Structure formats: structure tokens, C-alpha cells
Amino acid sequence: MLAEEPLTIRVPDVLVTSSTELNVRRASPSDVRLVIEVLSEGTVRTDRVTKFSEYAEVGIEHYWIVDLEEPASMTTYRLIDGEYENFGEHTGKVSLDFDGTPLTLDLDALTTRHAQRP
């Protein structure tokens, strides 16, 4: 018998959906526009290998990975013909266009003491 709910639930660091609900507890992969994962010591393999293939398999078009090791960097991937292609490696202040919306991310600010949680 198949389970009603998936056995593994992924909780990305940042999730952008097309849903108009303000409090989305579970997003359908078809509603997910972008997933951003921030690497940490315990998640490198999961983020770079497991989630990489799982997100591609369910059709999530944009997957970005942020690495906070000095210098902080971000790799952006886009799903092309069922596989992620590297669309850029970024450091410092990054200006990108995401589906017609300009985004500016200051990757260096993610590693400053002020940005860290106590």
C-alpha cells in the first residue's frame, strides 16, 4: 500500500512558491519556483547530492546553493530537460533576474557578525 504522504519531507532554507497563501506549511512541487539551500557542516552532502537529485526529479526549476565558507558564494542552477545546469557562480553583491523580478543579494553580509543568530 502506498503512503498518502511522502516519507521524506524537505524543508529548504528559502522557498519561493507561486501559492497565494501566506502561511504555506507544505508546498506542492508544482508550486515551487525556487529553492535556496545554505550549506552547513552537516548538510553539504544532502544539499549537493540528495536534494539536488530529488528537486530535479520533482521538477523544481530553480535551485540555488549558498556556501558561507570565505568568500561566501552562491551557485545557481536551472532545470533544463530534467537535469540541473549551472547558470552561474557568484560572490559578493549579486544582482540577478528571477523570472522578471530583479533580486540583489549581498552574500558577504550573510557572514558578518550582525547577520549571525545569537
PDB file of N, CA and C in Angstrom:
ATOM      1  N   MET A   1       0.843  -1.175   0.000  1.00  0.00           N
ATOM      2  CA  MET A   1       0.000   0.000   0.000  1.00  0.00           C
ATOM      3  C   MET A   1       0.895   1.247   0.000  1.00  0.00           C
ATOM      4  N   LEU A   2       0.581   2.227  -0.832  1.00  0.00           N
ATOM      5  CA  LEU A   2       1.357   3.460  -0.898  1.00  0.00           C
ATOM      6  C   LEU A   2       0.922   4.425   0.182  1.00  0.00           C
ATOM      7  N   ALA A   3       1.883   5.151   0.725  1.00  0.00           N
ATOM      8  CA  ALA A   3       1.589   6.139   1.766  1.00  0.00           C
ATOM      9  C   ALA A   3       0.884   7.339   1.141  1.00  0.00           C
ATOM     10  N   GLU A   4      -0.038   7.920   1.889  1.00  0.00           N
ATOM     11  CA  GLU A   4      -0.737   9.134   1.451  1.00  0.00           C
ATOM     12  C   GLU A   4       0.220  10.329   1.410  1.00  0.00           C
ATOM     13  N   GLU A   5       1.113  10.395   2.383  1.00  0.00           N
ATOM     14  CA  GLU A   5       2.073  11.487   2.484  1.00  0.00           C
ATOM     15  C   GLU A   5       3.450  10.959   2.089  1.00  0.00           C
ATOM     16  N   PRO A   6       4.312  11.810   1.542  1.00  0.00           N
ATOM     17  CA  PRO A   6       5.661  11.347   1.232  1.00  0.00           C
ATOM     18  C   PRO A   6       6.404  10.974   2.518  1.00  0.00           C
ATOM     19  N   LEU A   7       7.290   9.987   2.417  1.00  0.00           N
ATOM     20  CA  LEU A   7       8.037   9.549   3.586  1.00  0.00           C
ATOM     21  C   LEU A   7       9.088  10.556   4.021  1.00  0.00           C
ATOM     22  N   THR A   8       9.631  11.315   3.085  1.00  0.00           N
ATOM     23  CA  THR A   8      10.636  12.324   3.391  1.00  0.00           C
ATOM     24  C   THR A   8      10.071  13.695   3.041  1.00  0.00           C
ATOM     25  N   ILE A   9      10.124  14.591   4.004  1.00  0.00           N
ATOM     26  CA  ILE A   9       9.684  15.965   3.779  1.00  0.00           C
ATOM     27  C   ILE A   9      10.927  16.843   3.770  1.00  0.00           C
ATOM     28  N   ARG A  10      11.108  17.622   2.753  1.00  0.00           N
ATOM     29  CA  ARG A  10      12.239  18.541   2.661  1.00  0.00           C
ATOM     30  C   ARG A  10      11.807  19.921   3.132  1.00  0.00           C
ATOM     31  N   VAL A  11      12.668  20.552   3.923  1.00  0.00           N
ATOM     32  CA  VAL A  11      12.409  21.899   4.429  1.00  0.00           C
ATOM     33  C   VAL A  11      13.591  22.773   4.002  1.00  0.00           C
ATOM     34  N   PRO A  12      13.466  23.427   2.846  1.00  0.00           N
ATOM     35  CA  PRO A  12      14.564  24.262   2.355  1.00  0.00           C
ATOM     36  C   PRO A  12      14.774  25.486   3.238  1.00  0.00           C
ATOM     37  N   ASP A  13      15.966  26.080   3.136  1.00  0.00           N
ATOM     38  CA  ASP A  13      16.250  27.305   3.880  1.00  0.00           C
ATOM     39  C   ASP A  13      15.415  28.471   3.349  1.00  0.00           C
ATOM     40  N   VAL A  14      15.244  28.532   2.036  1.00  0.00           N
ATOM     41  CA  VAL A  14      14.385  29.544   1.404  1.00  0.00           C
ATOM     42  C   VAL A  14      13.550  28.840   0.351  1.00  0.00           C
ATOM     43  N   LEU A  15      12.268  29.163   0.326  1.00  0.00           N
ATOM     44  CA  LEU A  15      11.340  28.562  -0.626  1.00  0.00           C
ATOM     45  C   LEU A  15      10.485  29.667  -1.225  1.00  0.00           C
ATOM     46  N   VAL A  16      10.447  29.720  -2.548  1.00  0.00           N
ATOM     47  CA  VAL A  16       9.600  30.679  -3.244  1.00  0.00           C
ATOM     48  C   VAL A  16       8.559  29.864  -4.005  1.00  0.00           C
ATOM     49  N   THR A  17       7.285  30.151  -3.742  1.00  0.00           N
ATOM     50  CA  THR A  17       6.212  29.414  -4.406  1.00  0.00           C
ATOM     51  C   THR A  17       5.323  30.359  -5.194  1.00  0.00           C
ATOM     52  N   SER A  18       4.508  29.776  -6.031  1.00  0.00           N
ATOM     53  CA  SER A  18       3.510  30.550  -6.769  1.00  0.00           C
ATOM     54  C   SER A  18       2.204  30.612  -5.990  1.00  0.00           C
ATOM     55  N   SER A  19       2.166  29.982  -4.818  1.00  0.00           N
ATOM     56  CA  SER A  19       0.962  29.966  -3.997  1.00  0.00           C
ATOM     57  C   SER A  19       0.650  31.361  -3.475  1.00  0.00           C
ATOM     58  N   THR A  20      -0.620  31.682  -3.372  1.00  0.00           N
ATOM     59  CA  THR A  20      -1.031  32.977  -2.829  1.00  0.00           C
ATOM     60  C   THR A  20      -1.287  32.899  -1.326  1.00  0.00           C
ATOM     61  N   GLU A  21      -1.181  31.701  -0.746  1.00  0.00           N
ATOM     62  CA  GLU A  21      -1.347  31.560   0.699  1.00  0.00           C
ATOM     63  C   GLU A  21      -0.153  32.178   1.413  1.00  0.00           C
ATOM     64  N   LEU A  22      -0.394  32.861   2.516  1.00  0.00           N
ATOM     65  CA  LEU A  22       0.684  33.495   3.261  1.00  0.00           C
ATOM     66  C   LEU A  22       1.428  32.507   4.150  1.00  0.00           C
ATOM     67  N   ASN A  23       0.766  31.469   4.630  1.00  0.00           N
ATOM     68  CA  ASN A  23       1.382  30.517   5.538  1.00  0.00           C
ATOM     69  C   ASN A  23       1.314  29.124   4.915  1.00  0.00           C
ATOM     70  N   VAL A  24       2.263  28.839   4.058  1.00  0.00           N
ATOM     71  CA  VAL A  24       2.286  27.557   3.370  1.00  0.00           C
ATOM     72  C   VAL A  24       3.063  26.556   4.223  1.00  0.00           C
ATOM     73  N   ARG A  25       2.345  25.554   4.751  1.00  0.00           N
ATOM     74  CA  ARG A  25       3.016  24.536   5.556  1.00  0.00           C
ATOM     75  C   ARG A  25       3.650  23.468   4.678  1.00  0.00           C
ATOM     76  N   ARG A  26       2.987  23.134   3.607  1.00  0.00           N
ATOM     77  CA  ARG A  26       3.519  22.173   2.645  1.00  0.00           C
ATOM     78  C   ARG A  26       3.233  22.680   1.251  1.00  0.00           C
ATOM     79  N   ALA A  27       4.271  22.759   0.468  1.00  0.00           N
ATOM     80  CA  ALA A  27       4.103  23.234  -0.902  1.00  0.00           C
ATOM     81  C   ALA A  27       4.183  22.050  -1.848  1.00  0.00           C
ATOM     82  N   SER A  28       3.333  22.055  -2.812  1.00  0.00           N
ATOM     83  CA  SER A  28       3.383  21.051  -3.870  1.00  0.00           C
ATOM     84  C   SER A  28       4.579  21.389  -4.761  1.00  0.00           C
ATOM     85  N   PRO A  29       5.346  20.387  -5.181  1.00  0.00           N
ATOM     86  CA  PRO A  29       6.491  20.680  -6.062  1.00  0.00           C
ATOM     87  C   PRO A  29       6.104  21.501  -7.290  1.00  0.00           C
ATOM     88  N   SER A  30       4.890  21.326  -7.786  1.00  0.00           N
ATOM     89  CA  SER A  30       4.471  22.089  -8.965  1.00  0.00           C
ATOM     90  C   SER A  30       4.300  23.575  -8.657  1.00  0.00           C
ATOM     91  N   ASP A  31       4.153  23.945  -7.382  1.00  0.00           N
ATOM     92  CA  ASP A  31       4.033  25.345  -6.979  1.00  0.00           C
ATOM     93  C   ASP A  31       5.377  25.985  -6.647  1.00  0.00           C
ATOM     94  N   VAL A  32       6.414  25.188  -6.485  1.00  0.00           N
ATOM     95  CA  VAL A  32       7.718  25.709  -6.065  1.00  0.00           C
ATOM     96  C   VAL A  32       8.430  26.323  -7.257  1.00  0.00           C
ATOM     97  N   ARG A  33       8.812  27.587  -7.105  1.00  0.00           N
ATOM     98  CA  ARG A  33       9.502  28.314  -8.178  1.00  0.00           C
ATOM     99  C   ARG A  33      11.014  28.300  -7.972  1.00  0.00           C
ATOM    100  N   LEU A  34      11.432  28.344  -6.682  1.00  0.00           N
ATOM    101  CA  LEU A  34      12.856  28.443  -6.360  1.00  0.00           C
ATOM    102  C   LEU A  34      13.094  27.845  -4.982  1.00  0.00           C
ATOM    103  N   VAL A  35      14.186  27.100  -4.863  1.00  0.00           N
ATOM    104  CA  VAL A  35      14.652  26.603  -3.570  1.00  0.00           C
ATOM    105  C   VAL A  35      16.082  27.091  -3.403  1.00  0.00           C
ATOM    106  N   ILE A  36      16.372  27.642  -2.212  1.00  0.00           N
ATOM    107  CA  ILE A  36      17.736  28.032  -1.867  1.00  0.00           C
ATOM    108  C   ILE A  36      18.134  27.253  -0.626  1.00  0.00           C
ATOM    109  N   GLU A  37      19.273  26.587  -0.699  1.00  0.00           N
ATOM    110  CA  GLU A  37      19.827  25.875   0.445  1.00  0.00           C
ATOM    111  C   GLU A  37      21.131  26.550   0.844  1.00  0.00           C
ATOM    112  N   VAL A  38      21.336  26.729   2.147  1.00  0.00           N
ATOM    113  CA  VAL A  38      22.571  27.279   2.686  1.00  0.00           C
ATOM    114  C   VAL A  38      23.347  26.117   3.291  1.00  0.00           C
ATOM    115  N   LEU A  39      24.545  25.884   2.762  1.00  0.00           N
ATOM    116  CA  LEU A  39      25.345  24.761   3.233  1.00  0.00           C
ATOM    117  C   LEU A  39      25.789  24.975   4.675  1.00  0.00           C
ATOM    118  N   SER A  40      25.751  23.912   5.440  1.00  0.00           N
ATOM    119  CA  SER A  40      26.338  23.903   6.770  1.00  0.00           C
ATOM    120  C   SER A  40      27.122  22.612   6.901  1.00  0.00           C
ATOM    121  N   GLU A  41      27.898  22.485   7.946  1.00  0.00           N
ATOM    122  CA  GLU A  41      28.775  21.330   8.102  1.00  0.00           C
ATOM    123  C   GLU A  41      28.041  20.004   7.934  1.00  0.00           C
ATOM    124  N   GLY A  42      26.831  19.914   8.461  1.00  0.00           N
ATOM    125  CA  GLY A  42      26.099  18.661   8.416  1.00  0.00           C
ATOM    126  C   GLY A  42      25.214  18.457   7.196  1.00  0.00           C
ATOM    127  N   THR A  43      25.131  19.455   6.298  1.00  0.00           N
ATOM    128  CA  THR A  43      24.191  19.334   5.177  1.00  0.00           C
ATOM    129  C   THR A  43      24.837  19.330   3.798  1.00  0.00           C
ATOM    130  N   VAL A  44      26.138  19.402   3.715  1.00  0.00           N
ATOM    131  CA  VAL A  44      26.797  19.545   2.414  1.00  0.00           C
ATOM    132  C   VAL A  44      26.400  18.421   1.462  1.00  0.00           C
ATOM    133  N   ARG A  45      26.537  17.176   1.887  1.00  0.00           N
ATOM    134  CA  ARG A  45      26.216  16.050   1.002  1.00  0.00           C
ATOM    135  C   ARG A  45      24.729  16.032   0.650  1.00  0.00           C
ATOM    136  N   THR A  46      23.882  16.266   1.643  1.00  0.00           N
ATOM    137  CA  THR A  46      22.436  16.269   1.396  1.00  0.00           C
ATOM    138  C   THR A  46      22.060  17.358   0.400  1.00  0.00           C
ATOM    139  N   ASP A  47      22.598  18.571   0.581  1.00  0.00           N
ATOM    140  CA  ASP A  47      22.250  19.689  -0.302  1.00  0.00           C
ATOM    141  C   ASP A  47      22.834  19.536  -1.704  1.00  0.00           C
ATOM    142  N   ARG A  48      24.062  19.049  -1.793  1.00  0.00           N
ATOM    143  CA  ARG A  48      24.741  18.963  -3.098  1.00  0.00           C
ATOM    144  C   ARG A  48      24.402  17.692  -3.884  1.00  0.00           C
ATOM    145  N   VAL A  49      23.969  16.640  -3.195  1.00  0.00           N
ATOM    146  CA  VAL A  49      23.725  15.372  -3.881  1.00  0.00           C
ATOM    147  C   VAL A  49      22.259  14.952  -3.774  1.00  0.00           C
ATOM    148  N   THR A  50      21.810  14.687  -2.553  1.00  0.00           N
ATOM    149  CA  THR A  50      20.469  14.138  -2.363  1.00  0.00           C
ATOM    150  C   THR A  50      19.381  15.109  -2.812  1.00  0.00           C
ATOM    151  N   LYS A  51      19.375  16.318  -2.242  1.00  0.00           N
ATOM    152  CA  LYS A  51      18.342  17.287  -2.614  1.00  0.00           C
ATOM    153  C   LYS A  51      18.486  17.702  -4.072  1.00  0.00           C
ATOM    154  N   PHE A  52      19.710  17.796  -4.536  1.00  0.00           N
ATOM    155  CA  PHE A  52      19.971  18.157  -5.924  1.00  0.00           C
ATOM    156  C   PHE A  52      19.201  17.229  -6.865  1.00  0.00           C
ATOM    157  N   SER A  53      19.296  15.928  -6.623  1.00  0.00           N
ATOM    158  CA  SER A  53      18.607  14.980  -7.496  1.00  0.00           C
ATOM    159  C   SER A  53      17.112  14.914  -7.198  1.00  0.00           C
ATOM    160  N   GLU A  54      16.726  15.014  -5.932  1.00  0.00           N
ATOM    161  CA  GLU A  54      15.301  14.964  -5.585  1.00  0.00           C
ATOM    162  C   GLU A  54      14.541  16.157  -6.148  1.00  0.00           C
ATOM    163  N   TYR A  55      15.105  17.345  -6.013  1.00  0.00           N
ATOM    164  CA  TYR A  55      14.434  18.540  -6.531  1.00  0.00           C
ATOM    165  C   TYR A  55      14.314  18.475  -8.055  1.00  0.00           C
ATOM    166  N   ALA A  56      15.348  17.989  -8.724  1.00  0.00           N
ATOM    167  CA  ALA A  56      15.280  17.849 -10.183  1.00  0.00           C
ATOM    168  C   ALA A  56      14.206  16.830 -10.566  1.00  0.00           C
ATOM    169  N   GLU A  57      14.149  15.739  -9.839  1.00  0.00           N
ATOM    170  CA  GLU A  57      13.188  14.666 -10.141  1.00  0.00           C
ATOM    171  C   GLU A  57      11.741  15.142 -10.068  1.00  0.00           C
ATOM    172  N   VAL A  58      11.440  16.050  -9.123  1.00  0.00           N
ATOM    173  CA  VAL A  58      10.057  16.532  -8.996  1.00  0.00           C
ATOM    174  C   VAL A  58       9.804  17.802  -9.804  1.00  0.00           C
ATOM    175  N   GLY A  59      10.832  18.268 -10.547  1.00  0.00           N
ATOM    176  CA  GLY A  59      10.629  19.364 -11.489  1.00  0.00           C
ATOM    177  C   GLY A  59      10.763  20.768 -10.944  1.00  0.00           C
ATOM    178  N   ILE A  60      11.501  20.959  -9.841  1.00  0.00           N
ATOM    179  CA  ILE A  60      11.711  22.315  -9.316  1.00  0.00           C
ATOM    180  C   ILE A  60      12.718  23.009 -10.229  1.00  0.00           C
ATOM    181  N   GLU A  61      12.276  24.097 -10.870  1.00  0.00           N
ATOM    182  CA  GLU A  61      13.049  24.710 -11.946  1.00  0.00           C
ATOM    183  C   GLU A  61      14.348  25.383 -11.486  1.00  0.00           C
ATOM    184  N   HIS A  62      14.317  26.072 -10.354  1.00  0.00           N
ATOM    185  CA  HIS A  62      15.489  26.824  -9.902  1.00  0.00           C
ATOM    186  C   HIS A  62      15.961  26.296  -8.553  1.00  0.00           C
ATOM    187  N   TYR A  63      17.255  25.994  -8.460  1.00  0.00           N
ATOM    188  CA  TYR A  63      17.869  25.526  -7.224  1.00  0.00           C
ATOM    189  C   TYR A  63      19.179  26.277  -7.052  1.00  0.00           C
ATOM    190  N   TRP A  64      19.271  27.029  -5.940  1.00  0.00           N
ATOM    191  CA  TRP A  64      20.475  27.808  -5.674  1.00  0.00           C
ATOM    192  C   TRP A  64      21.098  27.302  -4.387  1.00  0.00           C
ATOM    193  N   ILE A  65      22.427  27.175  -4.382  1.00  0.00           N
ATOM    194  CA  ILE A  65      23.147  26.707  -3.208  1.00  0.00           C
ATOM    195  C   ILE A  65      24.101  27.810  -2.748  1.00  0.00           C
ATOM    196  N   VAL A  66      23.959  28.190  -1.471  1.00  0.00           N
ATOM    197  CA  VAL A  66      24.805  29.219  -0.863  1.00  0.00           C
ATOM    198  C   VAL A  66      25.826  28.527   0.027  1.00  0.00           C
ATOM    199  N   ASP A  67      27.095  28.870  -0.171  1.00  0.00           N
ATOM    200  CA  ASP A  67      28.185  28.344   0.648  1.00  0.00           C
ATOM    201  C   ASP A  67      28.769  29.514   1.435  1.00  0.00           C
ATOM    202  N   LEU A  68      28.727  29.427   2.760  1.00  0.00           N
ATOM    203  CA  LEU A  68      29.170  30.533   3.607  1.00  0.00           C
ATOM    204  C   LEU A  68      30.668  30.514   3.901  1.00  0.00           C
ATOM    205  N   GLU A  69      31.386  29.511   3.400  1.00  0.00           N
ATOM    206  CA  GLU A  69      32.847  29.500   3.568  1.00  0.00           C
ATOM    207  C   GLU A  69      33.409  30.721   2.855  1.00  0.00           C
ATOM    208  N   GLU A  70      34.431  31.345   3.468  1.00  0.00           N
ATOM    209  CA  GLU A  70      35.034  32.546   2.893  1.00  0.00           C
ATOM    210  C   GLU A  70      35.679  32.255   1.550  1.00  0.00           C
ATOM    211  N   PRO A  71      35.433  33.028   0.525  1.00  0.00           N
ATOM    212  CA  PRO A  71      34.398  34.050   0.470  1.00  0.00           C
ATOM    213  C   PRO A  71      33.037  33.393   0.226  1.00  0.00           C
ATOM    214  N   ALA A  72      32.009  33.953   0.827  1.00  0.00           N
ATOM    215  CA  ALA A  72      30.657  33.422   0.635  1.00  0.00           C
ATOM    216  C   ALA A  72      30.335  33.410  -0.858  1.00  0.00           C
ATOM    217  N   SER A  73      29.680  32.334  -1.293  1.00  0.00           N
ATOM    218  CA  SER A  73      29.390  32.208  -2.718  1.00  0.00           C
ATOM    219  C   SER A  73      28.027  31.552  -2.917  1.00  0.00           C
ATOM    220  N   MET A  74      27.532  31.668  -4.126  1.00  0.00           N
ATOM    221  CA  MET A  74      26.260  31.046  -4.472  1.00  0.00           C
ATOM    222  C   MET A  74      26.360  30.502  -5.893  1.00  0.00           C
ATOM    223  N   THR A  75      25.884  29.265  -6.052  1.00  0.00           N
ATOM    224  CA  THR A  75      25.806  28.653  -7.367  1.00  0.00           C
ATOM    225  C   THR A  75      24.334  28.540  -7.728  1.00  0.00           C
ATOM    226  N   THR A  76      23.985  29.023  -8.906  1.00  0.00           N
ATOM    227  CA  THR A  76      22.590  28.979  -9.341  1.00  0.00           C
ATOM    228  C   THR A  76      22.442  27.902 -10.409  1.00  0.00           C
ATOM    229  N   TYR A  77      21.401  27.075 -10.220  1.00  0.00           N
ATOM    230  CA  TYR A  77      21.108  26.001 -11.168  1.00  0.00           C
ATOM    231  C   TYR A  77      19.703  26.197 -11.709  1.00  0.00           C
ATOM    232  N   ARG A  78      19.532  25.779 -12.956  1.00  0.00           N
ATOM    233  CA  ARG A  78      18.205  25.806 -13.583  1.00  0.00           C
ATOM    234  C   ARG A  78      17.964  24.462 -14.246  1.00  0.00           C
ATOM    235  N   LEU A  79      16.750  23.962 -14.098  1.00  0.00           N
ATOM    236  CA  LEU A  79      16.380  22.663 -14.649  1.00  0.00           C
ATOM    237  C   LEU A  79      16.169  22.771 -16.153  1.00  0.00           C
ATOM    238  N   ILE A  80      16.973  22.038 -16.903  1.00  0.00           N
ATOM    239  CA  ILE A  80      16.881  22.003 -18.361  1.00  0.00           C
ATOM    240  C   ILE A  80      16.789  20.536 -18.765  1.00  0.00           C
ATOM    241  N   ASP A  81      15.702  20.170 -19.411  1.00  0.00           N
ATOM    242  CA  ASP A  81      15.498  18.791 -19.866  1.00  0.00           C
ATOM    243  C   ASP A  81      15.696  17.776 -18.739  1.00  0.00           C
ATOM    244  N   GLY A  82      15.177  18.096 -17.566  1.00  0.00           N
ATOM    245  CA  GLY A  82      15.200  17.160 -16.442  1.00  0.00           C
ATOM    246  C   GLY A  82      16.479  17.125 -15.633  1.00  0.00           C
ATOM    247  N   GLU A  83      17.468  17.962 -15.982  1.00  0.00           N
ATOM    248  CA  GLU A  83      18.722  17.991 -15.238  1.00  0.00           C
ATOM    249  C   GLU A  83      19.117  19.428 -14.949  1.00  0.00           C
ATOM    250  N   TYR A  84      19.748  19.639 -13.777  1.00  0.00           N
ATOM    251  CA  TYR A  84      20.192  20.982 -13.428  1.00  0.00           C
ATOM    252  C   TYR A  84      21.459  21.350 -14.186  1.00  0.00           C
ATOM    253  N   GLU A  85      21.430  22.555 -14.749  1.00  0.00           N
ATOM    254  CA  GLU A  85      22.609  23.122 -15.382  1.00  0.00           C
ATOM    255  C   GLU A  85      23.063  24.315 -14.561  1.00  0.00           C
ATOM    256  N   ASN A  86      24.370  24.457 -14.414  1.00  0.00           N
ATOM    257  CA  ASN A  86      24.947  25.567 -13.671  1.00  0.00           C
ATOM    258  C   ASN A  86      24.742  26.853 -14.478  1.00  0.00           C
ATOM    259  N   PHE A  87      24.034  27.806 -13.868  1.00  0.00           N
ATOM    260  CA  PHE A  87      23.770  29.078 -14.545  1.00  0.00           C
ATOM    261  C   PHE A  87      24.611  30.208 -13.998  1.00  0.00           C
ATOM    262  N   GLY A  88      25.515  29.899 -13.054  1.00  0.00           N
ATOM    263  CA  GLY A  88      26.409  30.942 -12.583  1.00  0.00           C
ATOM    264  C   GLY A  88      26.940  30.692 -11.187  1.00  0.00           C
ATOM    265  N   GLU A  89      28.160  31.175 -10.978  1.00  0.00           N
ATOM    266  CA  GLU A  89      28.803  31.137  -9.670  1.00  0.00           C
ATOM    267  C   GLU A  89      28.995  32.592  -9.274  1.00  0.00           C
ATOM    268  N   HIS A  90      28.561  32.940  -8.069  1.00  0.00           N
ATOM    269  CA  HIS A  90      28.534  34.339  -7.661  1.00  0.00           C
ATOM    270  C   HIS A  90      29.189  34.528  -6.301  1.00  0.00           C
ATOM    271  N   THR A  91      29.817  35.692  -6.108  1.00  0.00           N
ATOM    272  CA  THR A  91      30.346  36.113  -4.823  1.00  0.00           C
ATOM    273  C   THR A  91      30.009  37.587  -4.644  1.00  0.00           C
ATOM    274  N   GLY A  92      30.154  38.076  -3.406  1.00  0.00           N
ATOM    275  CA  GLY A  92      29.925  39.494  -3.134  1.00  0.00           C
ATOM    276  C   GLY A  92      28.465  39.875  -3.275  1.00  0.00           C
ATOM    277  N   LYS A  93      28.240  41.044  -3.844  1.00  0.00           N
ATOM    278  CA  LYS A  93      26.879  41.537  -4.067  1.00  0.00           C
ATOM    279  C   LYS A  93      26.429  41.063  -5.445  1.00  0.00           C
ATOM    280  N   VAL A  94      25.320  40.335  -5.481  1.00  0.00           N
ATOM    281  CA  VAL A  94      24.846  39.696  -6.700  1.00  0.00           C
ATOM    282  C   VAL A  94      23.522  40.321  -7.128  1.00  0.00           C
ATOM    283  N   SER A  95      23.437  40.707  -8.385  1.00  0.00           N
ATOM    284  CA  SER A  95      22.186  41.189  -8.960  1.00  0.00           C
ATOM    285  C   SER A  95      21.740  40.188 -10.014  1.00  0.00           C
ATOM    286  N   LEU A  96      20.562  39.612  -9.800  1.00  0.00           N
ATOM    287  CA  LEU A  96      20.033  38.600 -10.701  1.00  0.00           C
ATOM    288  C   LEU A  96      18.617  38.955 -11.104  1.00  0.00           C
ATOM    289  N   ASP A  97      18.191  38.373 -12.203  1.00  0.00           N
ATOM    290  CA  ASP A  97      16.803  38.483 -12.616  1.00  0.00           C
ATOM    291  C   ASP A  97      16.168  37.117 -12.389  1.00  0.00           C
ATOM    292  N   PHE A  98      15.134  37.078 -11.559  1.00  0.00           N
ATOM    293  CA  PHE A  98      14.435  35.822 -11.308  1.00  0.00           C
ATOM    294  C   PHE A  98      13.034  35.948 -11.878  1.00  0.00           C
ATOM    295  N   ASP A  99      12.810  35.314 -13.016  1.00  0.00           N
ATOM    296  CA  ASP A  99      11.510  35.334 -13.691  1.00  0.00           C
ATOM    297  C   ASP A  99      10.933  36.743 -13.816  1.00  0.00           C
ATOM    298  N   GLY A 100      11.777  37.685 -14.246  1.00  0.00           N
ATOM    299  CA  GLY A 100      11.324  39.047 -14.466  1.00  0.00           C
ATOM    300  C   GLY A 100      11.376  39.943 -13.243  1.00  0.00           C
ATOM    301  N   THR A 101      11.818  39.404 -12.112  1.00  0.00           N
ATOM    302  CA  THR A 101      11.929  40.198 -10.886  1.00  0.00           C
ATOM    303  C   THR A 101      13.403  40.383 -10.552  1.00  0.00           C
ATOM    304  N   PRO A 102      13.868  41.638 -10.464  1.00  0.00           N
ATOM    305  CA  PRO A 102      15.275  41.849 -10.108  1.00  0.00           C
ATOM    306  C   PRO A 102      15.508  41.533  -8.628  1.00  0.00           C
ATOM    307  N   LEU A 103      16.578  40.779  -8.355  1.00  0.00           N
ATOM    308  CA  LEU A 103      16.956  40.437  -6.982  1.00  0.00           C
ATOM    309  C   LEU A 103      18.391  40.878  -6.748  1.00  0.00           C
ATOM    310  N   THR A 104      18.648  41.458  -5.580  1.00  0.00           N
ATOM    311  CA  THR A 104      20.009  41.777  -5.189  1.00  0.00           C
ATOM    312  C   THR A 104      20.281  41.083  -3.866  1.00  0.00           C
ATOM    313  N   LEU A 105      21.331  40.276  -3.843  1.00  0.00           N
ATOM    314  CA  LEU A 105      21.731  39.541  -2.644  1.00  0.00           C
ATOM    315  C   LEU A 105      23.149  39.932  -2.290  1.00  0.00           C
ATOM    316  N   ASP A 106      23.371  40.265  -1.021  1.00  0.00           N
ATOM    317  CA  ASP A 106      24.713  40.577  -0.543  1.00  0.00           C
ATOM    318  C   ASP A 106      25.229  39.357   0.204  1.00  0.00           C
ATOM    319  N   LEU A 107      25.939  38.494  -0.492  1.00  0.00           N
ATOM    320  CA  LEU A 107      26.406  37.241   0.091  1.00  0.00           C
ATOM    321  C   LEU A 107      27.395  37.476   1.234  1.00  0.00           C
ATOM    322  N   ASP A 108      28.235  38.512   1.128  1.00  0.00           N
ATOM    323  CA  ASP A 108      29.186  38.802   2.201  1.00  0.00           C
ATOM    324  C   ASP A 108      28.475  39.170   3.501  1.00  0.00           C
ATOM    325  N   ALA A 109      27.313  39.804   3.393  1.00  0.00           N
ATOM    326  CA  ALA A 109      26.564  40.198   4.588  1.00  0.00           C
ATOM    327  C   ALA A 109      26.059  38.983   5.366  1.00  0.00           C
ATOM    328  N   LEU A 110      25.952  37.831   4.696  1.00  0.00           N
ATOM    329  CA  LEU A 110      25.491  36.624   5.382  1.00  0.00           C
ATOM    330  C   LEU A 110      26.513  36.102   6.383  1.00  0.00           C
ATOM    331  N   THR A 111      27.762  36.510   6.228  1.00  0.00           N
ATOM    332  CA  THR A 111      28.804  36.005   7.119  1.00  0.00           C
ATOM    333  C   THR A 111      29.271  37.024   8.150  1.00  0.00           C
ATOM    334  N   THR A 112      28.683  38.200   8.144  1.00  0.00           N
ATOM    335  CA  THR A 112      29.060  39.189   9.142  1.00  0.00           C
ATOM    336  C   THR A 112      28.477  38.828  10.494  1.00  0.00           C
ATOM    337  N   ARG A 113      29.108  39.312  11.523  1.00  0.00           N
ATOM    338  CA  ARG A 113      28.652  39.018  12.890  1.00  0.00           C
ATOM    339  C   ARG A 113      27.227  39.482  13.109  1.00  0.00           C
ATOM    340  N   HIS A 114      26.848  40.604  12.520  1.00  0.00           N
ATOM    341  CA  HIS A 114      25.493  41.145  12.680  1.00  0.00           C
ATOM    342  C   HIS A 114      24.441  40.214  12.092  1.00  0.00           C
ATOM    343  N   ALA A 115      24.803  39.514  11.023  1.00  0.00           N
ATOM    344  CA  ALA A 115      23.840  38.629  10.354  1.00  0.00           C
ATOM    345  C   ALA A 115      23.657  37.311  11.079  1.00  0.00           C
ATOM    346  N   GLN A 116      24.594  36.958  11.951  1.00  0.00           N
ATOM    347  CA  GLN A 116      24.537  35.669  12.640  1.00  0.00           C
ATOM    348  C   GLN A 116      23.549  35.709  13.797  1.00  0.00           C
ATOM    349  N   ARG A 117      22.898  34.590  14.027  1.00  0.00           N
ATOM    350  CA  ARG A 117      21.985  34.475  15.168  1.00  0.00           C
ATOM    351  C   ARG A 117      22.786  34.295  16.451  1.00  0.00           C
ATOM    352  N   PRO A 118      22.267  34.806  17.569  1.00  0.00           N
ATOM    353  CA  PRO A 118      22.997  34.642  18.834  1.00  0.00           C
ATOM    354  C   PRO A 118      23.026  33.189  19.280  1.00  0.00           C
TER     355      PRO A 118
END
